[in-house]
Protein backbone atom coordinates (compact mmCIF):
# COMPACT_ATOMS: atom_id res chain seq x y z
CA MET A 1 0.00 0.00 0.00
CA THR A 2 1.33 3.44 -0.82
CA ALA A 3 1.96 6.01 1.88
CA ALA A 4 -0.89 8.14 0.52
CA GLU A 5 -3.32 5.19 0.68
CA PHE A 6 -2.31 4.45 4.27
CA ASP A 7 -2.71 8.14 5.15
CA GLY A 8 -6.26 7.81 3.83
CA LEU A 9 -6.91 4.89 6.19
CA VAL A 10 -5.73 6.98 9.12
CA GLU A 11 -7.90 9.92 8.05
CA ARG A 12 -10.97 7.69 7.79
CA ALA A 13 -10.18 6.16 11.19
CA MET A 14 -10.06 9.68 12.66
CA GLU A 15 -13.45 10.46 11.10
CA ARG A 16 -14.94 7.40 12.82
CA ILE A 17 -14.11 8.77 16.27
CA PRO A 18 -17.46 9.89 17.70
CA GLY A 19 -18.07 13.61 17.43
CA ARG A 20 -18.24 14.08 21.20
CA PHE A 21 -14.57 13.04 21.39
CA ARG A 22 -13.42 14.45 18.07
CA LYS A 23 -14.57 17.97 18.98
CA ARG A 24 -12.36 17.83 22.10
CA LEU A 25 -9.20 16.97 20.14
CA HIS A 26 -7.31 20.25 20.12
CA ASN A 27 -3.72 20.96 19.18
CA VAL A 28 -3.04 17.34 18.16
CA ALA A 29 -1.04 16.40 15.08
CA PHE A 30 -1.62 12.97 13.53
CA VAL A 31 1.50 11.70 11.79
CA VAL A 32 2.16 8.55 9.79
CA GLU A 33 5.63 7.02 9.75
CA LYS A 34 6.80 3.85 8.03
CA GLU A 35 8.42 2.15 11.03
CA PRO A 36 8.39 2.61 14.82
CA PRO A 37 11.45 3.54 16.88
CA ARG A 38 11.19 0.18 18.67
CA PRO A 39 9.54 -3.15 17.83
CA GLY A 40 6.01 -3.82 18.96
CA LEU A 41 4.59 -0.33 18.49
CA LEU A 42 1.62 0.29 16.21
CA GLY A 43 1.16 3.85 17.39
CA LEU A 44 2.53 6.34 19.87
CA TYR A 45 1.01 9.28 21.75
CA GLN A 46 3.45 12.01 22.73
CA GLY A 47 2.21 14.94 24.72
CA ARG A 48 0.49 16.05 27.87
CA PRO A 49 -2.81 14.21 28.42
CA LEU A 50 -5.86 16.44 28.50
CA PRO A 51 -6.72 15.90 32.21
CA LYS A 52 -3.24 17.02 33.25
CA ARG A 53 -3.53 20.39 31.53
CA SER A 54 -4.43 23.67 33.09
CA VAL A 55 -6.08 26.74 31.62
CA SER A 56 -3.22 28.78 33.09
CA GLU A 57 -0.57 26.95 31.06
CA PRO A 58 1.14 28.94 28.33
CA PHE A 59 0.93 28.04 24.64
CA ALA A 60 2.18 24.53 23.96
CA LEU A 61 3.41 22.72 20.89
CA PRO A 62 0.91 20.20 19.50
CA ASP A 63 0.66 16.75 20.97
CA VAL A 64 1.58 14.11 18.39
CA ILE A 65 -0.11 10.82 17.62
CA THR A 66 2.03 8.71 15.32
CA ILE A 67 0.65 5.70 13.47
CA TYR A 68 3.22 3.26 12.07
CA GLN A 69 2.43 1.82 8.65
CA GLY A 70 4.87 -1.09 8.47
CA PRO A 71 3.72 -3.06 11.53
CA HIS A 72 0.06 -2.62 10.56
CA GLU A 73 0.68 -3.98 7.08
CA ARG A 74 2.63 -6.95 8.41
CA MET A 75 -0.11 -7.84 10.92
CA ALA A 76 -3.03 -7.45 8.54
CA ILE A 77 -4.57 -10.49 6.88
CA ASP A 78 -6.27 -8.39 4.21
CA GLU A 79 -7.25 -4.80 3.50
CA ASP A 80 -10.39 -4.94 5.68
CA HIS A 81 -8.34 -6.25 8.60
CA LEU A 82 -5.78 -3.48 7.98
CA ARG A 83 -8.54 -0.87 8.17
CA LYS A 84 -9.76 -2.32 11.48
CA LEU A 85 -6.24 -2.43 12.92
CA VAL A 86 -5.67 1.22 12.01
CA GLU A 87 -9.02 2.22 13.56
CA GLU A 88 -8.17 0.38 16.76
CA THR A 89 -4.74 2.01 16.95
CA VAL A 90 -6.12 5.50 16.37
CA TRP A 91 -8.72 4.91 19.13
CA HIS A 92 -6.00 3.57 21.43
CA GLU A 93 -3.75 6.60 21.01
CA VAL A 94 -6.64 9.07 21.29
CA ALA A 95 -7.57 7.40 24.59
CA HIS A 96 -4.07 8.23 25.87
CA TYR A 97 -4.66 11.85 24.85
CA PHE A 98 -7.77 11.82 27.04
CA GLY A 99 -5.68 10.62 29.98
CA LEU A 100 -6.21 6.87 30.07
CA ASP A 101 -3.17 4.83 31.03
CA GLU A 102 -2.34 1.57 29.26
CA ALA A 103 -4.43 -0.64 31.58
CA GLU A 104 -7.43 1.69 31.30
CA VAL A 105 -7.13 1.77 27.52
CA ARG A 106 -7.07 -2.04 27.39
CA ARG A 107 -10.19 -2.25 29.58
CA ALA A 108 -11.97 0.30 27.38
CA GLU A 109 -10.97 -1.66 24.27
CA ARG A 110 -12.43 -4.86 25.73
CA ARG A 111 -15.71 -3.06 26.58
CA ARG A 112 -15.85 -1.55 23.10
CA ALA A 113 -15.25 -4.98 21.49
CA ARG A 114 -18.09 -6.51 23.55
CA LEU A 115 -20.47 -3.77 22.41
CA LYS A 116 -19.72 -4.51 18.75
CA TYR A 117 -20.90 -8.11 19.03
């Protein structure tokens, strides 16, 4: 898959985030890179989680959510599976932006998976 096609998957995954969350995403840059800095990463949130911010803080650089193309493509069985993996990773990293730690994100993912079925 070309980089542009994968970018499109990430953009569509972002659009699938419910509006009530999407409208609270401020000063966040979504970036796609080919490979992660260390094995095992599908995505990475870098920044200050929303609940830890204060209205009295000065201007800050954007938080960054990076989605890694290579690991997603290697894990995917087919294009539909790739789309689902990207959506799950975008959700996962956005949850970190909203202040959930890794254990909380995993619990939320399990609840979300149960609701789908």
